[in-house]
């Protein structure tokens, strides 16, 4: 995105980049950049206080438009409050489940409780009920695959969207019992859930797939790289 910002600026379009790796910003030198000291994948930080912190990050980035020329890099010197561990957080209990669908169903009361606190859900990429998304995911790349309910998405794209919805579902479930940090949620999810095991299975079984797009999606877009080094 930093390199793209350089080209857009040359075309007369003002740009601002939010960067997580300062060295990259220093090397590429986009016209305007806000460096944030957050976890990779979270350029706006955590969603706390109804998104107030994320709005603060955005306002700081947009304020850089006052610079008519650059390059300029400004440091955002506030730590992400969403990265702070909650010492009182108790992970939602995981019932013994033979399948992903069973686990998702068992966690439904926790998810409903989370919705009362959050007031919204970010699930919806797959455009499927969560149990149906879980079924499609757990049967992907098996001898009994689920039928794709519509032709607006390929099987591969639907699988990825189902995976994203499943991961979001578990994050929202985790928030039903407190205010855990992203690391706490990640440790709980990747170390003990049936969902994590299914994602790992799909990745491993498709790494050498003859369809290069499928191999790439499964290798790079299902599991964070940092988690792969821990498995």
C-alpha atoms as a PDB file:
ATOM      1  CA  UNK A   1       0.000   0.000   0.000  1.00  0.00           C
ATOM      2  CA  UNK A   2       2.889   2.368   0.681  1.00  0.00           C
ATOM      3  CA  UNK A   3       4.181   1.937  -2.867  1.00  0.00           C
ATOM      4  CA  UNK A   4       0.680   2.410  -4.263  1.00  0.00           C
ATOM      5  CA  UNK A   5       0.364   5.648  -2.317  1.00  0.00           C
ATOM      6  CA  UNK A   6       3.424   6.995  -4.132  1.00  0.00           C
ATOM      7  CA  UNK A   7       1.832   6.362  -7.544  1.00  0.00           C
ATOM      8  CA  UNK A   8      -1.560   7.761  -6.489  1.00  0.00           C
ATOM      9  CA  UNK A   9       0.111  10.912  -5.234  1.00  0.00           C
ATOM     10  CA  UNK A  10       1.807  11.396  -8.592  1.00  0.00           C
ATOM     11  CA  UNK A  11      -1.646  11.247 -10.185  1.00  0.00           C
ATOM     12  CA  UNK A  12      -2.821  14.088  -7.943  1.00  0.00           C
ATOM     13  CA  UNK A  13      -4.638  12.003  -5.304  1.00  0.00           C
ATOM     14  CA  UNK A  14      -3.648  12.812  -1.729  1.00  0.00           C
ATOM     15  CA  UNK A  15      -2.881   9.726   0.356  1.00  0.00           C
ATOM     16  CA  UNK A  16      -2.208   8.689   3.931  1.00  0.00           C
ATOM     17  CA  UNK A  17      -0.721   5.333   4.922  1.00  0.00           C
ATOM     18  CA  UNK A  18      -1.059   3.647   8.312  1.00  0.00           C
ATOM     19  CA  UNK A  19       1.982   1.424   8.749  1.00  0.00           C
ATOM     20  CA  UNK A  20       2.833  -1.291  11.254  1.00  0.00           C
ATOM     21  CA  UNK A  21       6.498  -1.706  10.260  1.00  0.00           C
ATOM     22  CA  UNK A  22       8.459   1.507  10.478  1.00  0.00           C
ATOM     23  CA  UNK A  23      11.400   0.201   8.470  1.00  0.00           C
ATOM     24  CA  UNK A  24       9.110  -0.394   5.486  1.00  0.00           C
ATOM     25  CA  UNK A  25       7.843   3.174   5.687  1.00  0.00           C
ATOM     26  CA  UNK A  26      11.372   4.512   5.862  1.00  0.00           C
ATOM     27  CA  UNK A  27      12.442   2.490   2.818  1.00  0.00           C
ATOM     28  CA  UNK A  28       9.407   3.207   0.603  1.00  0.00           C
ATOM     29  CA  UNK A  29       8.782   6.758   1.848  1.00  0.00           C
ATOM     30  CA  UNK A  30       5.079   7.264   1.071  1.00  0.00           C
ATOM     31  CA  UNK A  31       4.027  10.938   1.010  1.00  0.00           C
ATOM     32  CA  UNK A  32       2.323  10.783   4.414  1.00  0.00           C
ATOM     33  CA  UNK A  33       2.477   7.907   6.878  1.00  0.00           C
ATOM     34  CA  UNK A  34       1.346   7.257  10.414  1.00  0.00           C
ATOM     35  CA  UNK A  35       3.388   4.564  12.140  1.00  0.00           C
ATOM     36  CA  UNK A  36       1.456   2.641  14.783  1.00  0.00           C
ATOM     37  CA  UNK A  37       3.086   0.276  17.338  1.00  0.00           C
ATOM     38  CA  UNK A  38       0.344  -2.320  17.145  1.00  0.00           C
ATOM     39  CA  UNK A  39       0.133  -6.041  16.536  1.00  0.00           C
ATOM     40  CA  UNK A  40       0.450  -7.051  12.884  1.00  0.00           C
ATOM     41  CA  UNK A  41      -2.958  -7.231  11.256  1.00  0.00           C
ATOM     42  CA  UNK A  42      -4.453  -4.601  13.587  1.00  0.00           C
ATOM     43  CA  UNK A  43      -3.562  -1.211  12.015  1.00  0.00           C
ATOM     44  CA  UNK A  44      -6.315   0.554  13.949  1.00  0.00           C
ATOM     45  CA  UNK A  45      -5.708  -1.226  17.230  1.00  0.00           C
ATOM     46  CA  UNK A  46      -8.354  -3.011  19.229  1.00  0.00           C
ATOM     47  CA  UNK A  47     -12.068  -2.293  19.287  1.00  0.00           C
ATOM     48  CA  UNK A  48     -12.557  -0.806  22.754  1.00  0.00           C
ATOM     49  CA  UNK A  49     -14.922   1.795  24.164  1.00  0.00           C
ATOM     50  CA  UNK A  50     -17.251   1.496  21.193  1.00  0.00           C
ATOM     51  CA  UNK A  51     -14.447   2.059  18.713  1.00  0.00           C
ATOM     52  CA  UNK A  52     -13.251   5.328  20.298  1.00  0.00           C
ATOM     53  CA  UNK A  53      -9.601   4.317  20.137  1.00  0.00           C
ATOM     54  CA  UNK A  54      -9.806   3.291  16.469  1.00  0.00           C
ATOM     55  CA  UNK A  55     -11.417   6.636  15.648  1.00  0.00           C
ATOM     56  CA  UNK A  56      -8.516   8.374  17.373  1.00  0.00           C
ATOM     57  CA  UNK A  57      -6.076   6.499  15.132  1.00  0.00           C
ATOM     58  CA  UNK A  58      -8.048   7.430  12.015  1.00  0.00           C
ATOM     59  CA  UNK A  59      -8.241  11.097  12.994  1.00  0.00           C
ATOM     60  CA  UNK A  60      -4.486  11.156  13.592  1.00  0.00           C
ATOM     61  CA  UNK A  61      -3.923   9.651  10.142  1.00  0.00           C
ATOM     62  CA  UNK A  62      -6.285  12.041   8.364  1.00  0.00           C
ATOM     63  CA  UNK A  63      -4.639  14.990  10.112  1.00  0.00           C
ATOM     64  CA  UNK A  64      -1.531  14.257   8.055  1.00  0.00           C
ATOM     65  CA  UNK A  65      -3.362  15.597   5.006  1.00  0.00           C
ATOM     66  CA  UNK A  66      -2.385  19.028   6.337  1.00  0.00           C
ATOM     67  CA  UNK A  67       1.082  18.241   5.016  1.00  0.00           C
ATOM     68  CA  UNK A  68       0.963  19.357   1.388  1.00  0.00           C
ATOM     69  CA  UNK A  69       4.180  17.540   0.507  1.00  0.00           C
ATOM     70  CA  UNK A  70       6.381  14.854   1.980  1.00  0.00           C
ATOM     71  CA  UNK A  71       7.538  12.287   2.644  1.00  0.00           C
ATOM     72  CA  UNK A  72       6.634  12.565   6.306  1.00  0.00           C
ATOM     73  CA  UNK A  73       6.351   9.822   8.935  1.00  0.00           C
ATOM     74  CA  UNK A  74       4.600  10.584  12.207  1.00  0.00           C
ATOM     75  CA  UNK A  75       4.673   8.187  15.150  1.00  0.00           C
ATOM     76  CA  UNK A  76       1.445   7.339  16.958  1.00  0.00           C
ATOM     77  CA  UNK A  77       2.814   7.104  20.481  1.00  0.00           C
ATOM     78  CA  UNK A  78      -0.162   5.522  22.254  1.00  0.00           C
ATOM     79  CA  UNK A  79      -0.219   1.801  22.985  1.00  0.00           C
ATOM     80  CA  UNK A  80      -3.189  -0.269  21.875  1.00  0.00           C
ATOM     81  CA  UNK A  81      -5.472  -0.727  24.898  1.00  0.00           C
ATOM     82  CA  UNK A  82      -6.834  -3.848  23.227  1.00  0.00           C
ATOM     83  CA  UNK A  83      -3.429  -5.509  23.644  1.00  0.00           C
ATOM     84  CA  UNK A  84      -3.588  -5.382  27.436  1.00  0.00           C
ATOM     85  CA  UNK A  85      -4.273  -8.764  29.031  1.00  0.00           C
ATOM     86  CA  UNK A  86      -7.384  -9.083  31.175  1.00  0.00           C
ATOM     87  CA  UNK A  87      -6.231 -10.973  34.292  1.00  0.00           C
ATOM     88  CA  UNK A  88      -9.844 -11.742  35.195  1.00  0.00           C
ATOM     89  CA  UNK A  89     -10.835 -13.187  31.825  1.00  0.00           C
ATOM     90  CA  UNK A  90     -11.998 -16.795  31.859  1.00  0.00           C
ATOM     91  CA  UNK A  91     -12.111 -18.468  28.430  1.00  0.00           C
ATOM     92  CA  UNK A  92     -15.508 -19.772  27.359  1.00  0.00           C
ATOM     93  CA  UNK A  93     -15.660 -23.490  28.152  1.00  0.00           C
ATOM     94  CA  UNK A  94     -15.270 -25.796  25.181  1.00  0.00           C
ATOM     95  CA  UNK A  95     -17.541 -28.802  25.374  1.00  0.00           C
ATOM     96  CA  UNK A  96     -16.260 -32.071  23.966  1.00  0.00           C
ATOM     97  CA  UNK A  97     -17.336 -31.899  20.332  1.00  0.00           C
ATOM     98  CA  UNK A  98     -16.829 -34.471  17.616  1.00  0.00           C
ATOM     99  CA  UNK A  99     -17.311 -31.935  14.831  1.00  0.00           C
ATOM    100  CA  UNK A 100     -16.983 -28.230  14.168  1.00  0.00           C
ATOM    101  CA  UNK A 101     -20.750 -27.910  13.784  1.00  0.00           C
ATOM    102  CA  UNK A 102     -21.251 -29.393  17.251  1.00  0.00           C
ATOM    103  CA  UNK A 103     -18.725 -26.996  18.772  1.00  0.00           C
ATOM    104  CA  UNK A 104     -20.219 -23.943  17.056  1.00  0.00           C
ATOM    105  CA  UNK A 105     -23.696 -24.962  18.205  1.00  0.00           C
ATOM    106  CA  UNK A 106     -22.538 -25.489  21.794  1.00  0.00           C
ATOM    107  CA  UNK A 107     -21.053 -21.975  21.864  1.00  0.00           C
ATOM    108  CA  UNK A 108     -24.219 -20.322  20.584  1.00  0.00           C
ATOM    109  CA  UNK A 109     -25.436 -19.160  24.058  1.00  0.00           C
ATOM    110  CA  UNK A 110     -22.073 -17.436  24.616  1.00  0.00           C
ATOM    111  CA  UNK A 111     -22.336 -15.778  21.205  1.00  0.00           C
ATOM    112  CA  UNK A 112     -25.851 -14.496  21.972  1.00  0.00           C
ATOM    113  CA  UNK A 113     -24.564 -13.087  25.262  1.00  0.00           C
ATOM    114  CA  UNK A 114     -21.752 -11.335  23.421  1.00  0.00           C
ATOM    115  CA  UNK A 115     -24.232  -9.703  21.043  1.00  0.00           C
ATOM    116  CA  UNK A 116     -26.023  -8.084  23.963  1.00  0.00           C
ATOM    117  CA  UNK A 117     -22.722  -6.488  25.027  1.00  0.00           C
ATOM    118  CA  UNK A 118     -21.336  -5.649  21.588  1.00  0.00           C
ATOM    119  CA  UNK A 119     -24.582  -4.563  19.994  1.00  0.00           C
ATOM    120  CA  UNK A 120     -23.506  -5.941  16.638  1.00  0.00           C
ATOM    121  CA  UNK A 121     -21.785  -8.807  14.848  1.00  0.00           C
ATOM    122  CA  UNK A 122     -19.121  -8.738  12.148  1.00  0.00           C
ATOM    123  CA  UNK A 123     -20.135 -12.132  10.774  1.00  0.00           C
ATOM    124  CA  UNK A 124     -21.587 -12.150   7.275  1.00  0.00           C
ATOM    125  CA  UNK A 125     -18.932 -12.603   4.584  1.00  0.00           C
ATOM    126  CA  UNK A 126     -20.169 -16.071   3.690  1.00  0.00           C
ATOM    127  CA  UNK A 127     -23.812 -14.981   3.735  1.00  0.00           C
ATOM    128  CA  UNK A 128     -24.614 -18.236   5.537  1.00  0.00           C
ATOM    129  CA  UNK A 129     -25.902 -19.109   9.023  1.00  0.00           C
ATOM    130  CA  UNK A 130     -22.923 -19.921  11.215  1.00  0.00           C
ATOM    131  CA  UNK A 131     -23.844 -23.616  11.495  1.00  0.00           C
ATOM    132  CA  UNK A 132     -24.037 -23.874   7.718  1.00  0.00           C
ATOM    133  CA  UNK A 133     -20.687 -22.088   7.371  1.00  0.00           C
ATOM    134  CA  UNK A 134     -19.186 -24.559   9.844  1.00  0.00           C
ATOM    135  CA  UNK A 135     -20.616 -27.494   7.899  1.00  0.00           C
ATOM    136  CA  UNK A 136     -19.241 -26.172   4.604  1.00  0.00           C
ATOM    137  CA  UNK A 137     -15.818 -25.655   6.187  1.00  0.00           C
ATOM    138  CA  UNK A 138     -15.533 -29.042   7.891  1.00  0.00           C
ATOM    139  CA  UNK A 139     -16.571 -30.878   4.729  1.00  0.00           C
ATOM    140  CA  UNK A 140     -14.284 -28.917   2.430  1.00  0.00           C
ATOM    141  CA  UNK A 141     -11.688 -31.105   0.757  1.00  0.00           C
ATOM    142  CA  UNK A 142     -13.330 -34.324   1.974  1.00  0.00           C
ATOM    143  CA  UNK A 143     -15.078 -37.155   0.172  1.00  0.00           C
ATOM    144  CA  UNK A 144     -18.426 -35.654   1.158  1.00  0.00           C
ATOM    145  CA  UNK A 145     -18.209 -31.907   0.404  1.00  0.00           C
ATOM    146  CA  UNK A 146     -21.129 -29.626   1.180  1.00  0.00           C
ATOM    147  CA  UNK A 147     -23.060 -28.237  -1.760  1.00  0.00           C
ATOM    148  CA  UNK A 148     -22.278 -24.616  -2.537  1.00  0.00           C
ATOM    149  CA  UNK A 149     -25.646 -22.896  -1.937  1.00  0.00           C
ATOM    150  CA  UNK A 150     -25.170 -20.290  -4.685  1.00  0.00           C
ATOM    151  CA  UNK A 151     -23.026 -19.605  -7.717  1.00  0.00           C
ATOM    152  CA  UNK A 152     -22.019 -16.087  -6.693  1.00  0.00           C
ATOM    153  CA  UNK A 153     -18.888 -17.488  -5.004  1.00  0.00           C
ATOM    154  CA  UNK A 154     -16.554 -20.278  -6.047  1.00  0.00           C
ATOM    155  CA  UNK A 155     -16.098 -23.157  -3.615  1.00  0.00           C
ATOM    156  CA  UNK A 156     -12.660 -21.814  -2.713  1.00  0.00           C
ATOM    157  CA  UNK A 157     -13.866 -18.261  -2.070  1.00  0.00           C
ATOM    158  CA  UNK A 158     -16.830 -19.515  -0.061  1.00  0.00           C
ATOM    159  CA  UNK A 159     -14.519 -21.679   2.019  1.00  0.00           C
ATOM    160  CA  UNK A 160     -12.330 -18.686   2.783  1.00  0.00           C
ATOM    161  CA  UNK A 161     -15.325 -16.528   3.716  1.00  0.00           C
ATOM    162  CA  UNK A 162     -16.691 -19.341   5.897  1.00  0.00           C
ATOM    163  CA  UNK A 163     -13.291 -19.520   7.608  1.00  0.00           C
ATOM    164  CA  UNK A 164     -13.336 -15.758   8.219  1.00  0.00           C
ATOM    165  CA  UNK A 165     -16.855 -15.942   9.651  1.00  0.00           C
ATOM    166  CA  UNK A 166     -15.901 -18.848  11.899  1.00  0.00           C
ATOM    167  CA  UNK A 167     -12.850 -17.011  13.268  1.00  0.00           C
ATOM    168  CA  UNK A 168     -14.946 -13.890  13.855  1.00  0.00           C
ATOM    169  CA  UNK A 169     -17.588 -15.993  15.596  1.00  0.00           C
ATOM    170  CA  UNK A 170     -15.031 -17.358  18.062  1.00  0.00           C
ATOM    171  CA  UNK A 171     -13.614 -13.887  18.722  1.00  0.00           C
ATOM    172  CA  UNK A 172     -17.092 -12.635  19.572  1.00  0.00           C
ATOM    173  CA  UNK A 173     -17.691 -15.700  21.753  1.00  0.00           C
ATOM    174  CA  UNK A 174     -14.459 -14.951  23.625  1.00  0.00           C
ATOM    175  CA  UNK A 175     -15.669 -11.401  24.303  1.00  0.00           C
ATOM    176  CA  UNK A 176     -18.758 -12.776  26.034  1.00  0.00           C
ATOM    177  CA  UNK A 177     -16.772 -13.434  29.209  1.00  0.00           C
ATOM    178  CA  UNK A 178     -14.725 -10.252  29.570  1.00  0.00           C
ATOM    179  CA  UNK A 179     -12.232  -8.074  27.739  1.00  0.00           C
ATOM    180  CA  UNK A 180      -9.381 -10.371  26.688  1.00  0.00           C
ATOM    181  CA  UNK A 181      -6.464  -9.128  24.620  1.00  0.00           C
ATOM    182  CA  UNK A 182      -6.025 -10.328  21.055  1.00  0.00           C
ATOM    183  CA  UNK A 183      -3.191 -12.573  22.270  1.00  0.00           C
ATOM    184  CA  UNK A 184      -5.411 -14.179  24.900  1.00  0.00           C
ATOM    185  CA  UNK A 185      -8.111 -14.815  22.325  1.00  0.00           C
ATOM    186  CA  UNK A 186      -5.595 -16.205  19.859  1.00  0.00           C
ATOM    187  CA  UNK A 187      -4.051 -18.546  22.419  1.00  0.00           C
ATOM    188  CA  UNK A 188      -7.475 -19.883  23.367  1.00  0.00           C
ATOM    189  CA  UNK A 189      -8.633 -20.321  19.787  1.00  0.00           C
ATOM    190  CA  UNK A 190      -5.514 -21.808  18.183  1.00  0.00           C
ATOM    191  CA  UNK A 191      -4.575 -24.098  21.054  1.00  0.00           C
ATOM    192  CA  UNK A 192      -7.839 -25.797  21.841  1.00  0.00           C
ATOM    193  CA  UNK A 193     -10.727 -25.433  19.427  1.00  0.00           C
ATOM    194  CA  UNK A 194     -12.073 -27.808  16.828  1.00  0.00           C
ATOM    195  CA  UNK A 195     -12.269 -24.831  14.472  1.00  0.00           C
ATOM    196  CA  UNK A 196      -8.504 -24.298  14.649  1.00  0.00           C
ATOM    197  CA  UNK A 197      -7.867 -27.980  13.965  1.00  0.00           C
ATOM    198  CA  UNK A 198     -10.118 -27.862  10.891  1.00  0.00           C
ATOM    199  CA  UNK A 199      -8.315 -24.807   9.522  1.00  0.00           C
ATOM    200  CA  UNK A 200      -4.957 -26.483  10.050  1.00  0.00           C
ATOM    201  CA  UNK A 201      -6.235 -29.616   8.316  1.00  0.00           C
ATOM    202  CA  UNK A 202      -7.437 -27.684   5.275  1.00  0.00           C
ATOM    203  CA  UNK A 203      -4.160 -25.800   5.037  1.00  0.00           C
ATOM    204  CA  UNK A 204      -1.994 -28.903   5.264  1.00  0.00           C
ATOM    205  CA  UNK A 205      -4.052 -30.932   2.790  1.00  0.00           C
ATOM    206  CA  UNK A 206      -3.870 -28.224   0.114  1.00  0.00           C
ATOM    207  CA  UNK A 207      -0.273 -27.023   0.313  1.00  0.00           C
ATOM    208  CA  UNK A 208       0.697 -29.110  -2.728  1.00  0.00           C
ATOM    209  CA  UNK A 209      -2.604 -28.815  -4.601  1.00  0.00           C
ATOM    210  CA  UNK A 210      -2.264 -28.698  -8.378  1.00  0.00           C
ATOM    211  CA  UNK A 211      -4.457 -25.581  -8.432  1.00  0.00           C
ATOM    212  CA  UNK A 212      -1.895 -22.939  -7.496  1.00  0.00           C
ATOM    213  CA  UNK A 213      -4.525 -20.398  -6.473  1.00  0.00           C
ATOM    214  CA  UNK A 214      -6.074 -22.889  -4.080  1.00  0.00           C
ATOM    215  CA  UNK A 215      -2.661 -23.812  -2.677  1.00  0.00           C
ATOM    216  CA  UNK A 216      -1.803 -20.144  -2.130  1.00  0.00           C
ATOM    217  CA  UNK A 217      -5.119 -19.272  -0.463  1.00  0.00           C
ATOM    218  CA  UNK A 218      -4.904 -22.228   1.902  1.00  0.00           C
ATOM    219  CA  UNK A 219      -1.248 -21.618   2.691  1.00  0.00           C
ATOM    220  CA  UNK A 220      -1.427 -17.891   3.347  1.00  0.00           C
ATOM    221  CA  UNK A 221      -4.978 -16.792   4.129  1.00  0.00           C
ATOM    222  CA  UNK A 222      -6.317 -19.178   6.764  1.00  0.00           C
ATOM    223  CA  UNK A 223      -3.802 -19.074   9.597  1.00  0.00           C
ATOM    224  CA  UNK A 224      -1.570 -16.228  10.853  1.00  0.00           C
ATOM    225  CA  UNK A 225       2.088 -16.887  10.198  1.00  0.00           C
ATOM    226  CA  UNK A 226       2.980 -16.381  13.850  1.00  0.00           C
ATOM    227  CA  UNK A 227       0.628 -19.207  14.799  1.00  0.00           C
ATOM    228  CA  UNK A 228       2.191 -21.599  12.305  1.00  0.00           C
ATOM    229  CA  UNK A 229       5.512 -21.337  14.110  1.00  0.00           C
ATOM    230  CA  UNK A 230       3.804 -22.390  17.331  1.00  0.00           C
ATOM    231  CA  UNK A 231       2.092 -25.507  15.984  1.00  0.00           C
END
